[in-house]
Amino acid sequence: MPAQATTASVEQVIFDGLAELGAAGEVSREATFEQLDVDSLDLGELAQIVEEEFGVELQGEDVKDLETVGQVIDLVVARAS
């Protein structure tokens, strides 16, 4: 059963996931993927982590226009509700 997707829990999973993927710099809600040197392959891996943890499926179309970590967190929380 997927974990409950509260803002805090999603934030923690995404921050940990980005760190695990080798994000450059400090991960914060305001950080952009460009600043973190996160590419589309990394975002695909992050989407898998989110799906496993919260049961929320993110496609490339869902995240292609998102620029910050906070935008992804908000999308996951909204989709999980």
PDB file of N, CA and C in Angstrom:
ATOM      1  N   MET A   1       0.850  -1.188   0.000  1.00  0.00           N
ATOM      2  CA  MET A   1       0.000   0.000   0.000  1.00  0.00           C
ATOM      3  C   MET A   1       0.889   1.242   0.000  1.00  0.00           C
ATOM      4  N   PRO A   2       0.600   2.206  -0.888  1.00  0.00           N
ATOM      5  CA  PRO A   2       1.427   3.408  -0.957  1.00  0.00           C
ATOM      6  C   PRO A   2       1.356   4.235   0.331  1.00  0.00           C
ATOM      7  N   ALA A   3       2.447   4.942   0.585  1.00  0.00           N
ATOM      8  CA  ALA A   3       2.495   5.833   1.745  1.00  0.00           C
ATOM      9  C   ALA A   3       1.562   7.016   1.504  1.00  0.00           C
ATOM     10  N   GLN A   4       1.126   7.640   2.602  1.00  0.00           N
ATOM     11  CA  GLN A   4       0.290   8.826   2.483  1.00  0.00           C
ATOM     12  C   GLN A   4       1.133   9.985   1.963  1.00  0.00           C
ATOM     13  N   ALA A   5       0.622  10.669   0.959  1.00  0.00           N
ATOM     14  CA  ALA A   5       1.373  11.732   0.301  1.00  0.00           C
ATOM     15  C   ALA A   5       1.053  13.091   0.913  1.00  0.00           C
ATOM     16  N   THR A   6       1.643  13.361   2.064  1.00  0.00           N
ATOM     17  CA  THR A   6       1.545  14.698   2.629  1.00  0.00           C
ATOM     18  C   THR A   6       2.662  15.530   2.014  1.00  0.00           C
ATOM     19  N   THR A   7       2.540  16.832   2.101  1.00  0.00           N
ATOM     20  CA  THR A   7       3.580  17.699   1.549  1.00  0.00           C
ATOM     21  C   THR A   7       4.930  17.357   2.162  1.00  0.00           C
ATOM     22  N   ALA A   8       4.967  17.153   3.459  1.00  0.00           N
ATOM     23  CA  ALA A   8       6.240  16.854   4.139  1.00  0.00           C
ATOM     24  C   ALA A   8       6.821  15.516   3.687  1.00  0.00           C
ATOM     25  N   SER A   9       5.971  14.497   3.553  1.00  0.00           N
ATOM     26  CA  SER A   9       6.493  13.179   3.162  1.00  0.00           C
ATOM     27  C   SER A   9       6.964  13.174   1.710  1.00  0.00           C
ATOM     28  N   VAL A  10       6.226  13.833   0.833  1.00  0.00           N
ATOM     29  CA  VAL A  10       6.635  13.916  -0.570  1.00  0.00           C
ATOM     30  C   VAL A  10       7.935  14.700  -0.693  1.00  0.00           C
ATOM     31  N   GLU A  11       8.007  15.803   0.034  1.00  0.00           N
ATOM     32  CA  GLU A  11       9.230  16.617   0.020  1.00  0.00           C
ATOM     33  C   GLU A  11      10.436  15.786   0.442  1.00  0.00           C
ATOM     34  N   GLN A  12      10.290  15.021   1.502  1.00  0.00           N
ATOM     35  CA  GLN A  12      11.403  14.206   2.001  1.00  0.00           C
ATOM     36  C   GLN A  12      11.833  13.155   0.987  1.00  0.00           C
ATOM     37  N   VAL A  13      10.874  12.464   0.391  1.00  0.00           N
ATOM     38  CA  VAL A  13      11.186  11.430  -0.596  1.00  0.00           C
ATOM     39  C   VAL A  13      11.868  12.042  -1.820  1.00  0.00           C
ATOM     40  N   ILE A  14      11.372  13.172  -2.289  1.00  0.00           N
ATOM     41  CA  ILE A  14      11.962  13.812  -3.473  1.00  0.00           C
ATOM     42  C   ILE A  14      13.341  14.367  -3.153  1.00  0.00           C
ATOM     43  N   PHE A  15      13.507  15.004  -2.005  1.00  0.00           N
ATOM     44  CA  PHE A  15      14.835  15.510  -1.613  1.00  0.00           C
ATOM     45  C   PHE A  15      15.828  14.351  -1.528  1.00  0.00           C
ATOM     46  N   ASP A  16      15.420  13.259  -0.867  1.00  0.00           N
ATOM     47  CA  ASP A  16      16.303  12.095  -0.733  1.00  0.00           C
ATOM     48  C   ASP A  16      16.596  11.478  -2.100  1.00  0.00           C
ATOM     49  N   GLY A  17      15.573  11.388  -2.938  1.00  0.00           N
ATOM     50  CA  GLY A  17      15.750  10.820  -4.266  1.00  0.00           C
ATOM     51  C   GLY A  17      16.714  11.634  -5.110  1.00  0.00           C
ATOM     52  N   LEU A  18      16.587  12.946  -5.066  1.00  0.00           N
ATOM     53  CA  LEU A  18      17.492  13.800  -5.835  1.00  0.00           C
ATOM     54  C   LEU A  18      18.922  13.684  -5.322  1.00  0.00           C
ATOM     55  N   ALA A  19      19.076  13.610  -4.011  1.00  0.00           N
ATOM     56  CA  ALA A  19      20.415  13.450  -3.441  1.00  0.00           C
ATOM     57  C   ALA A  19      21.019  12.121  -3.892  1.00  0.00           C
ATOM     58  N   GLU A  20      20.201  11.070  -3.889  1.00  0.00           N
ATOM     59  CA  GLU A  20      20.642   9.737  -4.315  1.00  0.00           C
ATOM     60  C   GLU A  20      21.054   9.735  -5.790  1.00  0.00           C
ATOM     61  N   LEU A  21      20.366  10.548  -6.594  1.00  0.00           N
ATOM     62  CA  LEU A  21      20.672  10.635  -8.017  1.00  0.00           C
ATOM     63  C   LEU A  21      21.872  11.539  -8.305  1.00  0.00           C
ATOM     64  N   GLY A  22      22.438  12.129  -7.253  1.00  0.00           N
ATOM     65  CA  GLY A  22      23.640  12.943  -7.424  1.00  0.00           C
ATOM     66  C   GLY A  22      23.378  14.385  -7.801  1.00  0.00           C
ATOM     67  N   ALA A  23      22.252  14.938  -7.346  1.00  0.00           N
ATOM     68  CA  ALA A  23      21.957  16.337  -7.646  1.00  0.00           C
ATOM     69  C   ALA A  23      23.095  17.227  -7.146  1.00  0.00           C
ATOM     70  N   ALA A  24      23.488  18.162  -7.992  1.00  0.00           N
ATOM     71  CA  ALA A  24      24.563  19.094  -7.642  1.00  0.00           C
ATOM     72  C   ALA A  24      23.969  20.264  -6.863  1.00  0.00           C
ATOM     73  N   GLY A  25      24.578  20.590  -5.743  1.00  0.00           N
ATOM     74  CA  GLY A  25      24.094  21.730  -4.968  1.00  0.00           C
ATOM     75  C   GLY A  25      23.075  21.327  -3.925  1.00  0.00           C
ATOM     76  N   GLU A  26      22.556  22.339  -3.264  1.00  0.00           N
ATOM     77  CA  GLU A  26      21.598  22.109  -2.180  1.00  0.00           C
ATOM     78  C   GLU A  26      20.192  21.946  -2.752  1.00  0.00           C
ATOM     79  N   VAL A  27      19.553  20.857  -2.368  1.00  0.00           N
ATOM     80  CA  VAL A  27      18.193  20.588  -2.823  1.00  0.00           C
ATOM     81  C   VAL A  27      17.230  21.364  -1.934  1.00  0.00           C
ATOM     82  N   SER A  28      16.383  22.182  -2.566  1.00  0.00           N
ATOM     83  CA  SER A  28      15.357  22.938  -1.850  1.00  0.00           C
ATOM     84  C   SER A  28      14.148  23.053  -2.765  1.00  0.00           C
ATOM     85  N   ARG A  29      13.037  23.517  -2.219  1.00  0.00           N
ATOM     86  CA  ARG A  29      11.826  23.684  -3.035  1.00  0.00           C
ATOM     87  C   ARG A  29      12.061  24.681  -4.168  1.00  0.00           C
ATOM     88  N   GLU A  30      12.900  25.668  -3.938  1.00  0.00           N
ATOM     89  CA  GLU A  30      13.134  26.731  -4.918  1.00  0.00           C
ATOM     90  C   GLU A  30      14.182  26.352  -5.960  1.00  0.00           C
ATOM     91  N   ALA A  31      14.939  25.295  -5.709  1.00  0.00           N
ATOM     92  CA  ALA A  31      16.015  24.898  -6.623  1.00  0.00           C
ATOM     93  C   ALA A  31      15.423  24.455  -7.960  1.00  0.00           C
ATOM     94  N   THR A  32      16.063  24.886  -9.047  1.00  0.00           N
ATOM     95  CA  THR A  32      15.631  24.436 -10.367  1.00  0.00           C
ATOM     96  C   THR A  32      16.409  23.181 -10.726  1.00  0.00           C
ATOM     97  N   PHE A  33      15.842  22.411 -11.646  1.00  0.00           N
ATOM     98  CA  PHE A  33      16.526  21.190 -12.079  1.00  0.00           C
ATOM     99  C   PHE A  33      17.810  21.544 -12.812  1.00  0.00           C
ATOM    100  N   GLU A  34      17.818  22.682 -13.473  1.00  0.00           N
ATOM    101  CA  GLU A  34      19.037  23.134 -14.152  1.00  0.00           C
ATOM    102  C   GLU A  34      20.137  23.413 -13.116  1.00  0.00           C
ATOM    103  N   GLN A  35      19.787  24.097 -12.032  1.00  0.00           N
ATOM    104  CA  GLN A  35      20.764  24.381 -10.965  1.00  0.00           C
ATOM    105  C   GLN A  35      21.313  23.093 -10.360  1.00  0.00           C
ATOM    106  N   LEU A  36      20.453  22.091 -10.248  1.00  0.00           N
ATOM    107  CA  LEU A  36      20.843  20.821  -9.629  1.00  0.00           C
ATOM    108  C   LEU A  36      21.504  19.869 -10.621  1.00  0.00           C
ATOM    109  N   ASP A  37      21.586  20.286 -11.869  1.00  0.00           N
ATOM    110  CA  ASP A  37      22.153  19.453 -12.934  1.00  0.00           C
ATOM    111  C   ASP A  37      21.407  18.123 -13.047  1.00  0.00           C
ATOM    112  N   VAL A  38      20.074  18.222 -13.004  1.00  0.00           N
ATOM    113  CA  VAL A  38      19.198  17.058 -13.111  1.00  0.00           C
ATOM    114  C   VAL A  38      18.643  17.033 -14.536  1.00  0.00           C
ATOM    115  N   ASP A  39      18.872  15.936 -15.243  1.00  0.00           N
ATOM    116  CA  ASP A  39      18.403  15.837 -16.619  1.00  0.00           C
ATOM    117  C   ASP A  39      17.138  14.978 -16.713  1.00  0.00           C
ATOM    118  N   SER A  40      16.677  14.765 -17.938  1.00  0.00           N
ATOM    119  CA  SER A  40      15.423  14.028 -18.123  1.00  0.00           C
ATOM    120  C   SER A  40      15.529  12.578 -17.658  1.00  0.00           C
ATOM    121  N   LEU A  41      16.709  11.974 -17.783  1.00  0.00           N
ATOM    122  CA  LEU A  41      16.873  10.603 -17.280  1.00  0.00           C
ATOM    123  C   LEU A  41      16.739  10.566 -15.761  1.00  0.00           C
ATOM    124  N   ASP A  42      17.329  11.551 -15.091  1.00  0.00           N
ATOM    125  CA  ASP A  42      17.194  11.641 -13.633  1.00  0.00           C
ATOM    126  C   ASP A  42      15.737  11.843 -13.241  1.00  0.00           C
ATOM    127  N   LEU A  43      15.019  12.679 -13.985  1.00  0.00           N
ATOM    128  CA  LEU A  43      13.607  12.906 -13.678  1.00  0.00           C
ATOM    129  C   LEU A  43      12.796  11.624 -13.870  1.00  0.00           C
ATOM    130  N   GLY A  44      13.172  10.828 -14.846  1.00  0.00           N
ATOM    131  CA  GLY A  44      12.504   9.546 -15.043  1.00  0.00           C
ATOM    132  C   GLY A  44      12.714   8.626 -13.856  1.00  0.00           C
ATOM    133  N   GLU A  45      13.934   8.590 -13.350  1.00  0.00           N
ATOM    134  CA  GLU A  45      14.218   7.770 -12.159  1.00  0.00           C
ATOM    135  C   GLU A  45      13.473   8.303 -10.945  1.00  0.00           C
ATOM    136  N   LEU A  46      13.408   9.628 -10.820  1.00  0.00           N
ATOM    137  CA  LEU A  46      12.679  10.239  -9.705  1.00  0.00           C
ATOM    138  C   LEU A  46      11.193   9.887  -9.802  1.00  0.00           C
ATOM    139  N   ALA A  47      10.654   9.883 -11.014  1.00  0.00           N
ATOM    140  CA  ALA A  47       9.241   9.514 -11.210  1.00  0.00           C
ATOM    141  C   ALA A  47       8.996   8.080 -10.756  1.00  0.00           C
ATOM    142  N   GLN A  48       9.954   7.175 -10.997  1.00  0.00           N
ATOM    143  CA  GLN A  48       9.813   5.789 -10.537  1.00  0.00           C
ATOM    144  C   GLN A  48       9.794   5.720  -9.011  1.00  0.00           C
ATOM    145  N   ILE A  49      10.657   6.499  -8.376  1.00  0.00           N
ATOM    146  CA  ILE A  49      10.703   6.529  -6.913  1.00  0.00           C
ATOM    147  C   ILE A  49       9.359   7.007  -6.367  1.00  0.00           C
ATOM    148  N   VAL A  50       8.818   8.065  -6.966  1.00  0.00           N
ATOM    149  CA  VAL A  50       7.534   8.627  -6.526  1.00  0.00           C
ATOM    150  C   VAL A  50       6.419   7.607  -6.713  1.00  0.00           C
ATOM    151  N   GLU A  51       6.419   6.898  -7.847  1.00  0.00           N
ATOM    152  CA  GLU A  51       5.372   5.906  -8.090  1.00  0.00           C
ATOM    153  C   GLU A  51       5.449   4.762  -7.084  1.00  0.00           C
ATOM    154  N   GLU A  52       6.670   4.295  -6.799  1.00  0.00           N
ATOM    155  CA  GLU A  52       6.831   3.204  -5.833  1.00  0.00           C
ATOM    156  C   GLU A  52       6.399   3.623  -4.435  1.00  0.00           C
ATOM    157  N   GLU A  53       6.726   4.847  -4.065  1.00  0.00           N
ATOM    158  CA  GLU A  53       6.464   5.309  -2.701  1.00  0.00           C
ATOM    159  C   GLU A  53       5.007   5.726  -2.487  1.00  0.00           C
ATOM    160  N   PHE A  54       4.435   6.436  -3.465  1.00  0.00           N
ATOM    161  CA  PHE A  54       3.110   7.033  -3.266  1.00  0.00           C
ATOM    162  C   PHE A  54       2.042   6.537  -4.237  1.00  0.00           C
ATOM    163  N   GLY A  55       2.416   5.708  -5.215  1.00  0.00           N
ATOM    164  CA  GLY A  55       1.444   5.221  -6.186  1.00  0.00           C
ATOM    165  C   GLY A  55       0.999   6.278  -7.174  1.00  0.00           C
ATOM    166  N   VAL A  56       1.769   7.350  -7.318  1.00  0.00           N
ATOM    167  CA  VAL A  56       1.440   8.429  -8.243  1.00  0.00           C
ATOM    168  C   VAL A  56       2.321   8.272  -9.478  1.00  0.00           C
ATOM    169  N   GLU A  57       1.684   8.114 -10.629  1.00  0.00           N
ATOM    170  CA  GLU A  57       2.433   7.917 -11.862  1.00  0.00           C
ATOM    171  C   GLU A  57       2.645   9.266 -12.553  1.00  0.00           C
ATOM    172  N   LEU A  58       3.902   9.575 -12.829  1.00  0.00           N
ATOM    173  CA  LEU A  58       4.250  10.807 -13.543  1.00  0.00           C
ATOM    174  C   LEU A  58       4.842  10.425 -14.898  1.00  0.00           C
ATOM    175  N   GLN A  59       4.313  11.010 -15.941  1.00  0.00           N
ATOM    176  CA  GLN A  59       4.822  10.788 -17.292  1.00  0.00           C
ATOM    177  C   GLN A  59       5.724  11.957 -17.686  1.00  0.00           C
ATOM    178  N   GLY A  60       6.467  11.779 -18.759  1.00  0.00           N
ATOM    179  CA  GLY A  60       7.332  12.845 -19.256  1.00  0.00           C
ATOM    180  C   GLY A  60       6.567  14.126 -19.533  1.00  0.00           C
ATOM    181  N   GLU A  61       5.357  13.972 -20.089  1.00  0.00           N
ATOM    182  CA  GLU A  61       4.509  15.135 -20.367  1.00  0.00           C
ATOM    183  C   GLU A  61       4.159  15.899 -19.095  1.00  0.00           C
ATOM    184  N   ASP A  62       4.036  15.178 -17.982  1.00  0.00           N
ATOM    185  CA  ASP A  62       3.633  15.795 -16.719  1.00  0.00           C
ATOM    186  C   ASP A  62       4.716  16.721 -16.168  1.00  0.00           C
ATOM    187  N   VAL A  63       5.967  16.344 -16.394  1.00  0.00           N
ATOM    188  CA  VAL A  63       7.055  17.080 -15.747  1.00  0.00           C
ATOM    189  C   VAL A  63       7.886  17.930 -16.706  1.00  0.00           C
ATOM    190  N   LYS A  64       7.608  17.848 -18.009  1.00  0.00           N
ATOM    191  CA  LYS A  64       8.476  18.535 -18.968  1.00  0.00           C
ATOM    192  C   LYS A  64       8.489  20.049 -18.793  1.00  0.00           C
ATOM    193  N   ASP A  65       7.405  20.642 -18.312  1.00  0.00           N
ATOM    194  CA  ASP A  65       7.358  22.096 -18.154  1.00  0.00           C
ATOM    195  C   ASP A  65       7.645  22.553 -16.723  1.00  0.00           C
ATOM    196  N   LEU A  66       7.889  21.613 -15.826  1.00  0.00           N
ATOM    197  CA  LEU A  66       8.185  21.972 -14.444  1.00  0.00           C
ATOM    198  C   LEU A  66       9.653  22.335 -14.323  1.00  0.00           C
ATOM    199  N   GLU A  67       9.927  23.390 -13.572  1.00  0.00           N
ATOM    200  CA  GLU A  67      11.301  23.870 -13.466  1.00  0.00           C
ATOM    201  C   GLU A  67      11.901  23.718 -12.081  1.00  0.00           C
ATOM    202  N   THR A  68      11.056  23.690 -11.044  1.00  0.00           N
ATOM    203  CA  THR A  68      11.594  23.644  -9.685  1.00  0.00           C
ATOM    204  C   THR A  68      11.176  22.369  -8.957  1.00  0.00           C
ATOM    205  N   VAL A  69      11.925  22.058  -7.932  1.00  0.00           N
ATOM    206  CA  VAL A  69      11.630  20.906  -7.083  1.00  0.00           C
ATOM    207  C   VAL A  69      10.251  21.084  -6.446  1.00  0.00           C
ATOM    208  N   GLY A  70       9.940  22.292  -6.006  1.00  0.00           N
ATOM    209  CA  GLY A  70       8.652  22.572  -5.370  1.00  0.00           C
ATOM    210  C   GLY A  70       7.468  22.290  -6.279  1.00  0.00           C
ATOM    211  N   GLN A  71       7.617  22.569  -7.580  1.00  0.00           N
ATOM    212  CA  GLN A  71       6.533  22.305  -8.522  1.00  0.00           C
ATOM    213  C   GLN A  71       6.248  20.810  -8.620  1.00  0.00           C
ATOM    214  N   VAL A  72       7.281  19.992  -8.585  1.00  0.00           N
ATOM    215  CA  VAL A  72       7.092  18.540  -8.636  1.00  0.00           C
ATOM    216  C   VAL A  72       6.432  18.055  -7.349  1.00  0.00           C
ATOM    217  N   ILE A  73       6.880  18.566  -6.214  1.00  0.00           N
ATOM    218  CA  ILE A  73       6.279  18.195  -4.925  1.00  0.00           C
ATOM    219  C   ILE A  73       4.793  18.511  -4.937  1.00  0.00           C
ATOM    220  N   ASP A  74       4.440  19.717  -5.367  1.00  0.00           N
ATOM    221  CA  ASP A  74       3.037  20.121  -5.396  1.00  0.00           C
ATOM    222  C   ASP A  74       2.205  19.252  -6.344  1.00  0.00           C
ATOM    223  N   LEU A  75       2.795  18.872  -7.486  1.00  0.00           N
ATOM    224  CA  LEU A  75       2.095  18.010  -8.444  1.00  0.00           C
ATOM    225  C   LEU A  75       1.822  16.634  -7.843  1.00  0.00           C
ATOM    226  N   VAL A  76       2.814  16.064  -7.179  1.00  0.00           N
ATOM    227  CA  VAL A  76       2.640  14.733  -6.574  1.00  0.00           C
ATOM    228  C   VAL A  76       1.557  14.782  -5.494  1.00  0.00           C
ATOM    229  N   VAL A  77       1.604  15.796  -4.637  1.00  0.00           N
ATOM    230  CA  VAL A  77       0.596  15.914  -3.570  1.00  0.00           C
ATOM    231  C   VAL A  77      -0.801  16.074  -4.177  1.00  0.00           C
ATOM    232  N   ALA A  78      -0.921  16.893  -5.212  1.00  0.00           N
ATOM    233  CA  ALA A  78      -2.231  17.113  -5.846  1.00  0.00           C
ATOM    234  C   ALA A  78      -2.747  15.830  -6.493  1.00  0.00           C
ATOM    235  N   ARG A  79      -1.891  15.079  -7.148  1.00  0.00           N
ATOM    236  CA  ARG A  79      -2.304  13.851  -7.812  1.00  0.00           C
ATOM    237  C   ARG A  79      -2.665  12.754  -6.805  1.00  0.00           C
ATOM    238  N   ALA A  80      -2.042  12.776  -5.659  1.00  0.00           N
ATOM    239  CA  ALA A  80      -2.277  11.731  -4.665  1.00  0.00           C
ATOM    240  C   ALA A  80      -3.593  11.956  -3.912  1.00  0.00           C
ATOM    241  N   SER A  81      -4.095  13.168  -3.947  1.00  0.00           N
ATOM    242  CA  SER A  81      -5.316  13.503  -3.182  1.00  0.00           C
ATOM    243  C   SER A  81      -6.559  12.928  -3.814  1.00  0.00           C
TER     244      SER A  81
END
